[in-house]
């Protein structure tokens, strides 16, 4: 097991750092479902004690992406399709609601932030950087929610979307969902908000979210060991 480890951020506690690194490795599929984790090895890689790693693992187990077996060990949980389905329902409901608000009252300053995010996504396309693109995808939607005064709702959605996001990343890595397609949808979402065209935004938002459900059947056949039965 080799983690993709970033530097600790300013003001970040050791527990927050461990949680962020593990979260990132789970979402990037660097830690695939079924992988056994060693808290001591993780602590060594992060140059910390086992306690913050243990706390981070407990938090991720509560969120459904790790499974802790007493006296046996900690494993990356298989993808729970029921949780994915619930996340799709939640995102579909909330993303359409936020488009309605954004098309009415999104500020020019927030549009600039979205535009900057699109520019960085374009760089990721050129460099074929799936992981960074995926992070910017989340930032793009987060900017929309924050710009509508609903940033805490986006944080709630993110907490409930770990299995959903693992499927999305697996789709990207598998080639089922190309970055070019995602980027084009983001451009259309931006244009819909900019022109206050809610109907156009609703259509592309549905395509953006529903693609995950369509991909899951193919992914289950190709990676049966990754999914909970």
Foldseek 3Di string as FASTA:
>chain_A
DDFPADDDDPPADPLNRLLVRVLLCLLLCVAFFFAFDDLCVSCVVSVHDSVSNVVSQVLVVVLPQWDQDPPPGITGHFQEVVLLVVLLVLQLVVQLVLLLLLLPDQDPVLLVVLVVLLVVLVVCLVVVPLSVNLVSLLVNVLSSCVSSVRNVVSVVSVSSCSSNSSLVSVCPVVVVDDSVLVSVLSVQLSVCSVNSPSVSNSVSSCVNSCSSVVCVVVVCVVCVVRHDD
